[in-house]
């Protein structure tokens, strides 16, 4: 919408949302590792 209607404007992606996307990805990696881990001690630590 921004590209089509105000192409000359400087479009900024909010940096908090960028970091949030990274945090969501990190948490997804953590949850996948918890699901795969067979060692209960390690699973509890990562969780």
ModelCIF file with pLDDT and N, C-alpha, C, O atoms, coordinates in Angstrom:
data_MODEL
#
_entry.id   MODEL 
#
_entity.id                         1 
_entity.type                       polymer 
_entity.pdbx_number_of_molecules   1 
#
_entity_poly.entity_id                      1 
_entity_poly.type                           'polypeptide(L)' 
_entity_poly.nstd_linkage                   no 
_entity_poly.nstd_monomer                   no 
_entity_poly.pdbx_seq_one_letter_code       
;(UNK)(UNK)(UNK)(UNK)(UNK)(UNK)(UNK)(UNK)(UNK)(UNK)(UNK)(UNK)(UNK)(UNK)(UNK)(UNK)
(UNK)(UNK)(UNK)(UNK)(UNK)(UNK)(UNK)(UNK)(UNK)(UNK)(UNK)(UNK)(UNK)(UNK)(UNK)(UNK)
(UNK)(UNK)(UNK)(UNK)(UNK)(UNK)(UNK)(UNK)(UNK)(UNK)(UNK)(UNK)(UNK)(UNK)(UNK)
;
_entity_poly.pdbx_seq_one_letter_code_can   XXXXXXXXXXXXXXXXXXXXXXXXXXXXXXXXXXXXXXXXXXXXXXX 
_entity_poly.pdbx_strand_id                 A 
#
loop_
_entity_poly_seq.entity_id 
_entity_poly_seq.num 
_entity_poly_seq.mon_id 
_entity_poly_seq.hetero 
1 1  UNK n 
1 2  UNK n 
1 3  UNK n 
1 4  UNK n 
1 5  UNK n 
1 6  UNK n 
1 7  UNK n 
1 8  UNK n 
1 9  UNK n 
1 10 UNK n 
1 11 UNK n 
1 12 UNK n 
1 13 UNK n 
1 14 UNK n 
1 15 UNK n 
1 16 UNK n 
1 17 UNK n 
1 18 UNK n 
1 19 UNK n 
1 20 UNK n 
1 21 UNK n 
1 22 UNK n 
1 23 UNK n 
1 24 UNK n 
1 25 UNK n 
1 26 UNK n 
1 27 UNK n 
1 28 UNK n 
1 29 UNK n 
1 30 UNK n 
1 31 UNK n 
1 32 UNK n 
1 33 UNK n 
1 34 UNK n 
1 35 UNK n 
1 36 UNK n 
1 37 UNK n 
1 38 UNK n 
1 39 UNK n 
1 40 UNK n 
1 41 UNK n 
1 42 UNK n 
1 43 UNK n 
1 44 UNK n 
1 45 UNK n 
1 46 UNK n 
1 47 UNK n 
#
_struct_asym.id          A 
_struct_asym.entity_id   1 
#
loop_
_ma_qa_metric.id 
_ma_qa_metric.mode 
_ma_qa_metric.name 
_ma_qa_metric.software_group_id 
_ma_qa_metric.type 
1 global pLDDT . pLDDT 
2 local  pLDDT . pLDDT 
#
_ma_qa_metric_global.metric_id      1 
_ma_qa_metric_global.metric_value   92.53 
_ma_qa_metric_global.model_id       1 
_ma_qa_metric_global.ordinal_id     1 
#
loop_
_ma_qa_metric_local.label_asym_id 
_ma_qa_metric_local.label_comp_id 
_ma_qa_metric_local.label_seq_id 
_ma_qa_metric_local.metric_id 
_ma_qa_metric_local.metric_value 
_ma_qa_metric_local.model_id 
_ma_qa_metric_local.ordinal_id 
A UNK 1  2 96.00 1 1  
A UNK 2  2 96.00 1 2  
A UNK 3  2 95.00 1 3  
A UNK 4  2 96.00 1 4  
A UNK 5  2 96.00 1 5  
A UNK 6  2 95.00 1 6  
A UNK 7  2 94.00 1 7  
A UNK 8  2 95.00 1 8  
A UNK 9  2 96.00 1 9  
A UNK 10 2 96.00 1 10 
A UNK 11 2 96.00 1 11 
A UNK 12 2 96.00 1 12 
A UNK 13 2 95.00 1 13 
A UNK 14 2 93.00 1 14 
A UNK 15 2 92.00 1 15 
A UNK 16 2 92.00 1 16 
A UNK 17 2 93.00 1 17 
A UNK 18 2 95.00 1 18 
A UNK 19 2 94.00 1 19 
A UNK 20 2 94.00 1 20 
A UNK 21 2 96.00 1 21 
A UNK 22 2 96.00 1 22 
A UNK 23 2 95.00 1 23 
A UNK 24 2 96.00 1 24 
A UNK 25 2 96.00 1 25 
A UNK 26 2 95.00 1 26 
A UNK 27 2 94.00 1 27 
A UNK 28 2 95.00 1 28 
A UNK 29 2 94.00 1 29 
A UNK 30 2 92.00 1 30 
A UNK 31 2 93.00 1 31 
A UNK 32 2 92.00 1 32 
A UNK 33 2 90.00 1 33 
A UNK 34 2 91.00 1 34 
A UNK 35 2 91.00 1 35 
A UNK 36 2 89.00 1 36 
A UNK 37 2 86.00 1 37 
A UNK 38 2 85.00 1 38 
A UNK 39 2 87.00 1 39 
A UNK 40 2 89.00 1 40 
A UNK 41 2 88.00 1 41 
A UNK 42 2 86.00 1 42 
A UNK 43 2 88.00 1 43 
A UNK 44 2 89.00 1 44 
A UNK 45 2 87.00 1 45 
A UNK 46 2 87.00 1 46 
A UNK 47 2 87.00 1 47 
#
loop_
_atom_site.group_PDB 
_atom_site.id 
_atom_site.type_symbol 
_atom_site.label_atom_id 
_atom_site.label_alt_id 
_atom_site.label_comp_id 
_atom_site.label_asym_id 
_atom_site.label_entity_id 
_atom_site.label_seq_id 
_atom_site.pdbx_PDB_ins_code 
_atom_site.Cartn_x 
_atom_site.Cartn_y 
_atom_site.Cartn_z 
_atom_site.occupancy 
_atom_site.B_iso_or_equiv 
_atom_site.pdbx_formal_charge 
_atom_site.auth_seq_id 
_atom_site.auth_comp_id 
_atom_site.auth_asym_id 
_atom_site.auth_atom_id 
_atom_site.pdbx_PDB_model_num 
ATOM 1   N N  . UNK A 1 1  ? 0.823  -1.209  0.000  1.00 96.00 ? 1  UNK A N  1 
ATOM 2   C CA . UNK A 1 1  ? 0.000  0.000   0.000  1.00 96.00 ? 1  UNK A CA 1 
ATOM 3   C C  . UNK A 1 1  ? 0.859  1.262   0.000  1.00 96.00 ? 1  UNK A C  1 
ATOM 4   O O  . UNK A 1 1  ? 0.559  2.222   -0.709 1.00 96.00 ? 1  UNK A O  1 
ATOM 5   N N  . UNK A 1 2  ? 1.924  1.258   0.794  1.00 96.00 ? 2  UNK A N  1 
ATOM 6   C CA . UNK A 1 2  ? 2.822  2.413   0.861  1.00 96.00 ? 2  UNK A CA 1 
ATOM 7   C C  . UNK A 1 2  ? 3.536  2.615   -0.478 1.00 96.00 ? 2  UNK A C  1 
ATOM 8   O O  . UNK A 1 2  ? 3.633  3.742   -0.965 1.00 96.00 ? 2  UNK A O  1 
ATOM 9   N N  . UNK A 1 3  ? 4.032  1.534   -1.069 1.00 95.00 ? 3  UNK A N  1 
ATOM 10  C CA . UNK A 1 3  ? 4.733  1.631   -2.358 1.00 95.00 ? 3  UNK A CA 1 
ATOM 11  C C  . UNK A 1 3  ? 3.838  2.211   -3.444 1.00 95.00 ? 3  UNK A C  1 
ATOM 12  O O  . UNK A 1 3  ? 4.270  3.042   -4.242 1.00 95.00 ? 3  UNK A O  1 
ATOM 13  N N  . UNK A 1 4  ? 2.586  1.764   -3.465 1.00 96.00 ? 4  UNK A N  1 
ATOM 14  C CA . UNK A 1 4  ? 1.676  2.170   -4.525 1.00 96.00 ? 4  UNK A CA 1 
ATOM 15  C C  . UNK A 1 4  ? 1.158  3.600   -4.351 1.00 96.00 ? 4  UNK A C  1 
ATOM 16  O O  . UNK A 1 4  ? 0.857  4.271   -5.338 1.00 96.00 ? 4  UNK A O  1 
ATOM 17  N N  . UNK A 1 5  ? 1.053  4.066   -3.118 1.00 96.00 ? 5  UNK A N  1 
ATOM 18  C CA . UNK A 1 5  ? 0.382  5.341   -2.881 1.00 96.00 ? 5  UNK A CA 1 
ATOM 19  C C  . UNK A 1 5  ? 1.298  6.499   -2.498 1.00 96.00 ? 5  UNK A C  1 
ATOM 20  O O  . UNK A 1 5  ? 0.939  7.662   -2.684 1.00 96.00 ? 5  UNK A O  1 
ATOM 21  N N  . UNK A 1 6  ? 2.458  6.194   -1.975 1.00 95.00 ? 6  UNK A N  1 
ATOM 22  C CA . UNK A 1 6  ? 3.408  7.274   -1.674 1.00 95.00 ? 6  UNK A CA 1 
ATOM 23  C C  . UNK A 1 6  ? 4.829  6.772   -1.935 1.00 95.00 ? 6  UNK A C  1 
ATOM 24  O O  . UNK A 1 6  ? 5.628  6.619   -1.012 1.00 95.00 ? 6  UNK A O  1 
ATOM 25  N N  . UNK A 1 7  ? 5.128  6.518   -3.218 1.00 94.00 ? 7  UNK A N  1 
ATOM 26  C CA . UNK A 1 7  ? 6.404  5.882   -3.584 1.00 94.00 ? 7  UNK A CA 1 
ATOM 27  C C  . UNK A 1 7  ? 7.642  6.696   -3.232 1.00 94.00 ? 7  UNK A C  1 
ATOM 28  O O  . UNK A 1 7  ? 8.728  6.132   -3.101 1.00 94.00 ? 7  UNK A O  1 
ATOM 29  N N  . UNK A 1 8  ? 7.500  8.015   -3.077 1.00 95.00 ? 8  UNK A N  1 
ATOM 30  C CA . UNK A 1 8  ? 8.665  8.849   -2.781 1.00 95.00 ? 8  UNK A CA 1 
ATOM 31  C C  . UNK A 1 8  ? 8.966  8.941   -1.283 1.00 95.00 ? 8  UNK A C  1 
ATOM 32  O O  . UNK A 1 8  ? 10.016 9.449   -0.887 1.00 95.00 ? 8  UNK A O  1 
ATOM 33  N N  . UNK A 1 9  ? 8.058  8.457   -0.467 1.00 96.00 ? 9  UNK A N  1 
ATOM 34  C CA . UNK A 1 9  ? 8.267  8.515   0.983  1.00 96.00 ? 9  UNK A CA 1 
ATOM 35  C C  . UNK A 1 9  ? 9.301  7.484   1.419  1.00 96.00 ? 9  UNK A C  1 
ATOM 36  O O  . UNK A 1 9  ? 9.449  6.436   0.791  1.00 96.00 ? 9  UNK A O  1 
ATOM 37  N N  . UNK A 1 10 ? 10.007 7.788   2.489  1.00 96.00 ? 10 UNK A N  1 
ATOM 38  C CA . UNK A 1 10 ? 10.942 6.829   3.087  1.00 96.00 ? 10 UNK A CA 1 
ATOM 39  C C  . UNK A 1 10 ? 10.135 5.901   3.990  1.00 96.00 ? 10 UNK A C  1 
ATOM 40  O O  . UNK A 1 10 ? 9.530  6.335   4.971  1.00 96.00 ? 10 UNK A O  1 
ATOM 41  N N  . UNK A 1 11 ? 10.139 4.618   3.640  1.00 96.00 ? 11 UNK A N  1 
ATOM 42  C CA . UNK A 1 11 ? 9.357  3.631   4.383  1.00 96.00 ? 11 UNK A CA 1 
ATOM 43  C C  . UNK A 1 11 ? 10.279 2.924   5.375  1.00 96.00 ? 11 UNK A C  1 
ATOM 44  O O  . UNK A 1 11 ? 11.281 2.322   4.989  1.00 96.00 ? 11 UNK A O  1 
ATOM 45  N N  . UNK A 1 12 ? 9.923  3.008   6.660  1.00 96.00 ? 12 UNK A N  1 
ATOM 46  C CA . UNK A 1 12 ? 10.741 2.436   7.730  1.00 96.00 ? 12 UNK A CA 1 
ATOM 47  C C  . UNK A 1 12 ? 9.992  1.291   8.390  1.00 96.00 ? 12 UNK A C  1 
ATOM 48  O O  . UNK A 1 12 ? 8.844  1.445   8.808  1.00 96.00 ? 12 UNK A O  1 
ATOM 49  N N  . UNK A 1 13 ? 10.662 0.123   8.481  1.00 95.00 ? 13 UNK A N  1 
ATOM 50  C CA . UNK A 1 13 ? 10.111 -0.969  9.278  1.00 95.00 ? 13 UNK A CA 1 
ATOM 51  C C  . UNK A 1 13 ? 10.481 -0.720  10.739 1.00 95.00 ? 13 UNK A C  1 
ATOM 52  O O  . UNK A 1 13 ? 11.656 -0.576  11.078 1.00 95.00 ? 13 UNK A O  1 
ATOM 53  N N  . UNK A 1 14 ? 9.495  -0.674  11.571 1.00 93.00 ? 14 UNK A N  1 
ATOM 54  C CA . UNK A 1 14 ? 9.714  -0.411  12.989 1.00 93.00 ? 14 UNK A CA 1 
ATOM 55  C C  . UNK A 1 14 ? 10.702 -1.411  13.575 1.00 93.00 ? 14 UNK A C  1 
ATOM 56  O O  . UNK A 1 14 ? 10.519 -2.622  13.447 1.00 93.00 ? 14 UNK A O  1 
ATOM 57  N N  . UNK A 1 15 ? 11.763 -0.895  14.225 1.00 92.00 ? 15 UNK A N  1 
ATOM 58  C CA . UNK A 1 15 ? 12.824 -1.787  14.698 1.00 92.00 ? 15 UNK A CA 1 
ATOM 59  C C  . UNK A 1 15 ? 12.367 -2.720  15.819 1.00 92.00 ? 15 UNK A C  1 
ATOM 60  O O  . UNK A 1 15 ? 12.920 -3.807  15.986 1.00 92.00 ? 15 UNK A O  1 
ATOM 61  N N  . UNK A 1 16 ? 11.362 -2.301  16.585 1.00 92.00 ? 16 UNK A N  1 
ATOM 62  C CA . UNK A 1 16 ? 10.843 -3.194  17.627 1.00 92.00 ? 16 UNK A CA 1 
ATOM 63  C C  . UNK A 1 16 ? 10.189 -4.435  17.010 1.00 92.00 ? 16 UNK A C  1 
ATOM 64  O O  . UNK A 1 16 ? 10.300 -5.538  17.545 1.00 92.00 ? 16 UNK A O  1 
ATOM 65  N N  . UNK A 1 17 ? 9.507  -4.237  15.877 1.00 93.00 ? 17 UNK A N  1 
ATOM 66  C CA . UNK A 1 17 ? 8.891  -5.376  15.201 1.00 93.00 ? 17 UNK A CA 1 
ATOM 67  C C  . UNK A 1 17 ? 9.940  -6.298  14.583 1.00 93.00 ? 17 UNK A C  1 
ATOM 68  O O  . UNK A 1 17 ? 9.759  -7.515  14.542 1.00 93.00 ? 17 UNK A O  1 
ATOM 69  N N  . UNK A 1 18 ? 11.037 -5.713  14.103 1.00 95.00 ? 18 UNK A N  1 
ATOM 70  C CA . UNK A 1 18 ? 12.128 -6.523  13.544 1.00 95.00 ? 18 UNK A CA 1 
ATOM 71  C C  . UNK A 1 18 ? 12.720 -7.406  14.643 1.00 95.00 ? 18 UNK A C  1 
ATOM 72  O O  . UNK A 1 18 ? 12.917 -8.605  14.445 1.00 95.00 ? 18 UNK A O  1 
ATOM 73  N N  . UNK A 1 19 ? 12.999 -6.811  15.791 1.00 94.00 ? 19 UNK A N  1 
ATOM 74  C CA . UNK A 1 19 ? 13.561 -7.568  16.918 1.00 94.00 ? 19 UNK A CA 1 
ATOM 75  C C  . UNK A 1 19 ? 12.557 -8.599  17.426 1.00 94.00 ? 19 UNK A C  1 
ATOM 76  O O  . UNK A 1 19 ? 12.938 -9.709  17.798 1.00 94.00 ? 19 UNK A O  1 
ATOM 77  N N  . UNK A 1 20 ? 11.283 -8.236  17.442 1.00 94.00 ? 20 UNK A N  1 
ATOM 78  C CA . UNK A 1 20 ? 10.247 -9.187  17.880 1.00 94.00 ? 20 UNK A CA 1 
ATOM 79  C C  . UNK A 1 20 ? 10.219 -10.408 16.968 1.00 94.00 ? 20 UNK A C  1 
ATOM 80  O O  . UNK A 1 20 ? 10.062 -11.537 17.431 1.00 94.00 ? 20 UNK A O  1 
ATOM 81  N N  . UNK A 1 21 ? 10.374 -10.168 15.662 1.00 96.00 ? 21 UNK A N  1 
ATOM 82  C CA . UNK A 1 21 ? 10.402 -11.282 14.710 1.00 96.00 ? 21 UNK A CA 1 
ATOM 83  C C  . UNK A 1 21 ? 11.574 -12.209 15.011 1.00 96.00 ? 21 UNK A C  1 
ATOM 84  O O  . UNK A 1 21 ? 11.445 -13.430 14.922 1.00 96.00 ? 21 UNK A O  1 
ATOM 85  N N  . UNK A 1 22 ? 12.715 -11.627 15.367 1.00 96.00 ? 22 UNK A N  1 
ATOM 86  C CA . UNK A 1 22 ? 13.886 -12.420 15.737 1.00 96.00 ? 22 UNK A CA 1 
ATOM 87  C C  . UNK A 1 22 ? 13.609 -13.188 17.027 1.00 96.00 ? 22 UNK A C  1 
ATOM 88  O O  . UNK A 1 22 ? 13.944 -14.368 17.129 1.00 96.00 ? 22 UNK A O  1 
ATOM 89  N N  . UNK A 1 23 ? 13.008 -12.537 17.999 1.00 95.00 ? 23 UNK A N  1 
ATOM 90  C CA . UNK A 1 23 ? 12.696 -13.205 19.274 1.00 95.00 ? 23 UNK A CA 1 
ATOM 91  C C  . UNK A 1 23 ? 11.720 -14.362 19.075 1.00 95.00 ? 23 UNK A C  1 
ATOM 92  O O  . UNK A 1 23 ? 11.861 -15.419 19.689 1.00 95.00 ? 23 UNK A O  1 
ATOM 93  N N  . UNK A 1 24 ? 10.735 -14.149 18.213 1.00 96.00 ? 24 UNK A N  1 
ATOM 94  C CA . UNK A 1 24 ? 9.776  -15.225 17.921 1.00 96.00 ? 24 UNK A CA 1 
ATOM 95  C C  . UNK A 1 24 ? 10.482 -16.415 17.267 1.00 96.00 ? 24 UNK A C  1 
ATOM 96  O O  . UNK A 1 24 ? 10.169 -17.571 17.553 1.00 96.00 ? 24 UNK A O  1 
ATOM 97  N N  . UNK A 1 25 ? 11.431 -16.117 16.393 1.00 96.00 ? 25 UNK A N  1 
ATOM 98  C CA . UNK A 1 25 ? 12.187 -17.187 15.726 1.00 96.00 ? 25 UNK A CA 1 
ATOM 99  C C  . UNK A 1 25 ? 13.070 -17.932 16.723 1.00 96.00 ? 25 UNK A C  1 
ATOM 100 O O  . UNK A 1 25 ? 13.155 -19.160 16.691 1.00 96.00 ? 25 UNK A O  1 
ATOM 101 N N  . UNK A 1 26 ? 13.725 -17.181 17.608 1.00 95.00 ? 26 UNK A N  1 
ATOM 102 C CA . UNK A 1 26 ? 14.563 -17.798 18.647 1.00 95.00 ? 26 UNK A CA 1 
ATOM 103 C C  . UNK A 1 26 ? 13.726 -18.717 19.531 1.00 95.00 ? 26 UNK A C  1 
ATOM 104 O O  . UNK A 1 26 ? 14.158 -19.820 19.864 1.00 95.00 ? 26 UNK A O  1 
ATOM 105 N N  . UNK A 1 27 ? 12.547 -18.274 19.908 1.00 94.00 ? 27 UNK A N  1 
ATOM 106 C CA . UNK A 1 27 ? 11.688 -19.095 20.757 1.00 94.00 ? 27 UNK A CA 1 
ATOM 107 C C  . UNK A 1 27 ? 11.204 -20.340 20.013 1.00 94.00 ? 27 UNK A C  1 
ATOM 108 O O  . UNK A 1 27 ? 11.039 -21.406 20.606 1.00 94.00 ? 27 UNK A O  1 
ATOM 109 N N  . UNK A 1 28 ? 10.979 -20.190 18.706 1.00 95.00 ? 28 UNK A N  1 
ATOM 110 C CA . UNK A 1 28 ? 10.577 -21.342 17.900 1.00 95.00 ? 28 UNK A CA 1 
ATOM 111 C C  . UNK A 1 28 ? 11.697 -22.378 17.850 1.00 95.00 ? 28 UNK A C  1 
ATOM 112 O O  . UNK A 1 28 ? 11.441 -23.578 17.945 1.00 95.00 ? 28 UNK A O  1 
ATOM 113 N N  . UNK A 1 29 ? 12.945 -21.911 17.699 1.00 94.00 ? 29 UNK A N  1 
ATOM 114 C CA . UNK A 1 29 ? 14.107 -22.812 17.720 1.00 94.00 ? 29 UNK A CA 1 
ATOM 115 C C  . UNK A 1 29 ? 14.175 -23.525 19.064 1.00 94.00 ? 29 UNK A C  1 
ATOM 116 O O  . UNK A 1 29 ? 14.399 -24.734 19.118 1.00 94.00 ? 29 UNK A O  1 
ATOM 117 N N  . UNK A 1 30 ? 13.983 -22.781 20.146 1.00 92.00 ? 30 UNK A N  1 
ATOM 118 C CA . UNK A 1 30 ? 14.033 -23.369 21.488 1.00 92.00 ? 30 UNK A CA 1 
ATOM 119 C C  . UNK A 1 30 ? 12.971 -24.461 21.648 1.00 92.00 ? 30 UNK A C  1 
ATOM 120 O O  . UNK A 1 30 ? 13.262 -25.540 22.165 1.00 92.00 ? 30 UNK A O  1 
ATOM 121 N N  . UNK A 1 31 ? 11.741 -24.178 21.204 1.00 93.00 ? 31 UNK A N  1 
ATOM 122 C CA . UNK A 1 31 ? 10.656 -25.156 21.342 1.00 93.00 ? 31 UNK A CA 1 
ATOM 123 C C  . UNK A 1 31 ? 10.922 -26.412 20.503 1.00 93.00 ? 31 UNK A C  1 
ATOM 124 O O  . UNK A 1 31 ? 10.604 -27.522 20.929 1.00 93.00 ? 31 UNK A O  1 
ATOM 125 N N  . UNK A 1 32 ? 11.501 -26.237 19.316 1.00 92.00 ? 32 UNK A N  1 
ATOM 126 C CA . UNK A 1 32 ? 11.831 -27.400 18.475 1.00 92.00 ? 32 UNK A CA 1 
ATOM 127 C C  . UNK A 1 32 ? 12.897 -28.255 19.141 1.00 92.00 ? 32 UNK A C  1 
ATOM 128 O O  . UNK A 1 32 ? 12.836 -29.483 19.083 1.00 92.00 ? 32 UNK A O  1 
ATOM 129 N N  . UNK A 1 33 ? 13.877 -27.610 19.775 1.00 90.00 ? 33 UNK A N  1 
ATOM 130 C CA . UNK A 1 33 ? 14.948 -28.351 20.457 1.00 90.00 ? 33 UNK A CA 1 
ATOM 131 C C  . UNK A 1 33 ? 14.413 -29.089 21.674 1.00 90.00 ? 33 UNK A C  1 
ATOM 132 O O  . UNK A 1 33 ? 14.836 -30.210 21.959 1.00 90.00 ? 33 UNK A O  1 
ATOM 133 N N  . UNK A 1 34 ? 13.488 -28.469 22.390 1.00 91.00 ? 34 UNK A N  1 
ATOM 134 C CA . UNK A 1 34 ? 12.865 -29.135 23.547 1.00 91.00 ? 34 UNK A CA 1 
ATOM 135 C C  . UNK A 1 34 ? 12.130 -30.383 23.088 1.00 91.00 ? 34 UNK A C  1 
ATOM 136 O O  . UNK A 1 34 ? 12.200 -31.426 23.738 1.00 91.00 ? 34 UNK A O  1 
ATOM 137 N N  . UNK A 1 35 ? 11.422 -30.278 21.963 1.00 91.00 ? 35 UNK A N  1 
ATOM 138 C CA . UNK A 1 35 ? 10.645 -31.415 21.445 1.00 91.00 ? 35 UNK A CA 1 
ATOM 139 C C  . UNK A 1 35 ? 11.549 -32.569 20.999 1.00 91.00 ? 35 UNK A C  1 
ATOM 140 O O  . UNK A 1 35 ? 11.173 -33.737 21.110 1.00 91.00 ? 35 UNK A O  1 
ATOM 141 N N  . UNK A 1 36 ? 12.743 -32.234 20.494 1.00 89.00 ? 36 UNK A N  1 
ATOM 142 C CA . UNK A 1 36 ? 13.654 -33.264 19.966 1.00 89.00 ? 36 UNK A CA 1 
ATOM 143 C C  . UNK A 1 36 ? 14.543 -33.879 21.044 1.00 89.00 ? 36 UNK A C  1 
ATOM 144 O O  . UNK A 1 36 ? 14.978 -35.023 20.917 1.00 89.00 ? 36 UNK A O  1 
ATOM 145 N N  . UNK A 1 37 ? 14.812 -33.122 22.099 1.00 86.00 ? 37 UNK A N  1 
ATOM 146 C CA . UNK A 1 37 ? 15.765 -33.565 23.122 1.00 86.00 ? 37 UNK A CA 1 
ATOM 147 C C  . UNK A 1 37 ? 15.245 -34.802 23.876 1.00 86.00 ? 37 UNK A C  1 
ATOM 148 O O  . UNK A 1 37 ? 14.106 -34.825 24.341 1.00 86.00 ? 37 UNK A O  1 
ATOM 149 N N  . UNK A 1 38 ? 16.094 -35.816 23.984 1.00 85.00 ? 38 UNK A N  1 
ATOM 150 C CA . UNK A 1 38 ? 15.704 -37.050 24.674 1.00 85.00 ? 38 UNK A CA 1 
ATOM 151 C C  . UNK A 1 38 ? 16.224 -37.078 26.110 1.00 85.00 ? 38 UNK A C  1 
ATOM 152 O O  . UNK A 1 38 ? 15.658 -37.753 26.970 1.00 85.00 ? 38 UNK A O  1 
ATOM 153 N N  . UNK A 1 39 ? 17.299 -36.346 26.359 1.00 87.00 ? 39 UNK A N  1 
ATOM 154 C CA . UNK A 1 39 ? 17.862 -36.274 27.706 1.00 87.00 ? 39 UNK A CA 1 
ATOM 155 C C  . UNK A 1 39 ? 16.977 -35.355 28.554 1.00 87.00 ? 39 UNK A C  1 
ATOM 156 O O  . UNK A 1 39 ? 16.897 -34.157 28.287 1.00 87.00 ? 39 UNK A O  1 
ATOM 157 N N  . UNK A 1 40 ? 16.325 -35.900 29.557 1.00 89.00 ? 40 UNK A N  1 
ATOM 158 C CA . UNK A 1 40 ? 15.381 -35.137 30.369 1.00 89.00 ? 40 UNK A CA 1 
ATOM 159 C C  . UNK A 1 40 ? 16.045 -33.974 31.100 1.00 89.00 ? 40 UNK A C  1 
ATOM 160 O O  . UNK A 1 40 ? 15.430 -32.927 31.301 1.00 89.00 ? 40 UNK A O  1 
ATOM 161 N N  . UNK A 1 41 ? 17.288 -34.161 31.493 1.00 88.00 ? 41 UNK A N  1 
ATOM 162 C CA . UNK A 1 41 ? 17.999 -33.087 32.199 1.00 88.00 ? 41 UNK A CA 1 
ATOM 163 C C  . UNK A 1 41 ? 18.250 -31.908 31.271 1.00 88.00 ? 41 UNK A C  1 
ATOM 164 O O  . UNK A 1 41 ? 18.035 -30.753 31.639 1.00 88.00 ? 41 UNK A O  1 
ATOM 165 N N  . UNK A 1 42 ? 18.704 -32.214 30.073 1.00 86.00 ? 42 UNK A N  1 
ATOM 166 C CA . UNK A 1 42 ? 18.949 -31.150 29.093 1.00 86.00 ? 42 UNK A CA 1 
ATOM 167 C C  . UNK A 1 42 ? 17.633 -30.498 28.652 1.00 86.00 ? 42 UNK A C  1 
ATOM 168 O O  . UNK A 1 42 ? 17.559 -29.281 28.478 1.00 86.00 ? 42 UNK A O  1 
ATOM 169 N N  . UNK A 1 43 ? 16.603 -31.322 28.475 1.00 88.00 ? 43 UNK A N  1 
ATOM 170 C CA . UNK A 1 43 ? 15.294 -30.798 28.056 1.00 88.00 ? 43 UNK A CA 1 
ATOM 171 C C  . UNK A 1 43 ? 14.762 -29.794 29.087 1.00 88.00 ? 43 UNK A C  1 
ATOM 172 O O  . UNK A 1 43 ? 14.241 -28.734 28.739 1.00 88.00 ? 43 UNK A O  1 
ATOM 173 N N  . UNK A 1 44 ? 14.911 -30.164 30.371 1.00 89.00 ? 44 UNK A N  1 
ATOM 174 C CA . UNK A 1 44 ? 14.421 -29.286 31.434 1.00 89.00 ? 44 UNK A CA 1 
ATOM 175 C C  . UNK A 1 44 ? 15.195 -27.973 31.453 1.00 89.00 ? 44 UNK A C  1 
ATOM 176 O O  . UNK A 1 44 ? 14.617 -26.910 31.679 1.00 89.00 ? 44 UNK A O  1 
ATOM 177 N N  . UNK A 1 45 ? 16.503 -28.049 31.216 1.00 87.00 ? 45 UNK A N  1 
ATOM 178 C CA . UNK A 1 45 ? 17.341 -26.848 31.219 1.00 87.00 ? 45 UNK A CA 1 
ATOM 179 C C  . UNK A 1 45 ? 16.960 -25.906 30.070 1.00 87.00 ? 45 UNK A C  1 
ATOM 180 O O  . UNK A 1 45 ? 16.801 -24.702 30.274 1.00 87.00 ? 45 UNK A O  1 
ATOM 181 N N  . UNK A 1 46 ? 16.815 -26.464 28.864 1.00 87.00 ? 46 UNK A N  1 
ATOM 182 C CA . UNK A 1 46 ? 16.475 -25.646 27.684 1.00 87.00 ? 46 UNK A CA 1 
ATOM 183 C C  . UNK A 1 46 ? 15.067 -25.055 27.831 1.00 87.00 ? 46 UNK A C  1 
ATOM 184 O O  . UNK A 1 46 ? 14.821 -23.901 27.480 1.00 87.00 ? 46 UNK A O  1 
ATOM 185 N N  . UNK A 1 47 ? 14.162 -25.867 28.352 1.00 87.00 ? 47 UNK A N  1 
ATOM 186 C CA . UNK A 1 47 ? 12.780 -25.425 28.519 1.00 87.00 ? 47 UNK A CA 1 
ATOM 187 C C  . UNK A 1 47 ? 12.677 -24.233 29.468 1.00 87.00 ? 47 UNK A C  1 
ATOM 188 O O  . UNK A 1 47 ? 11.579 -23.736 29.718 1.00 87.00 ? 47 UNK A O  1 
#
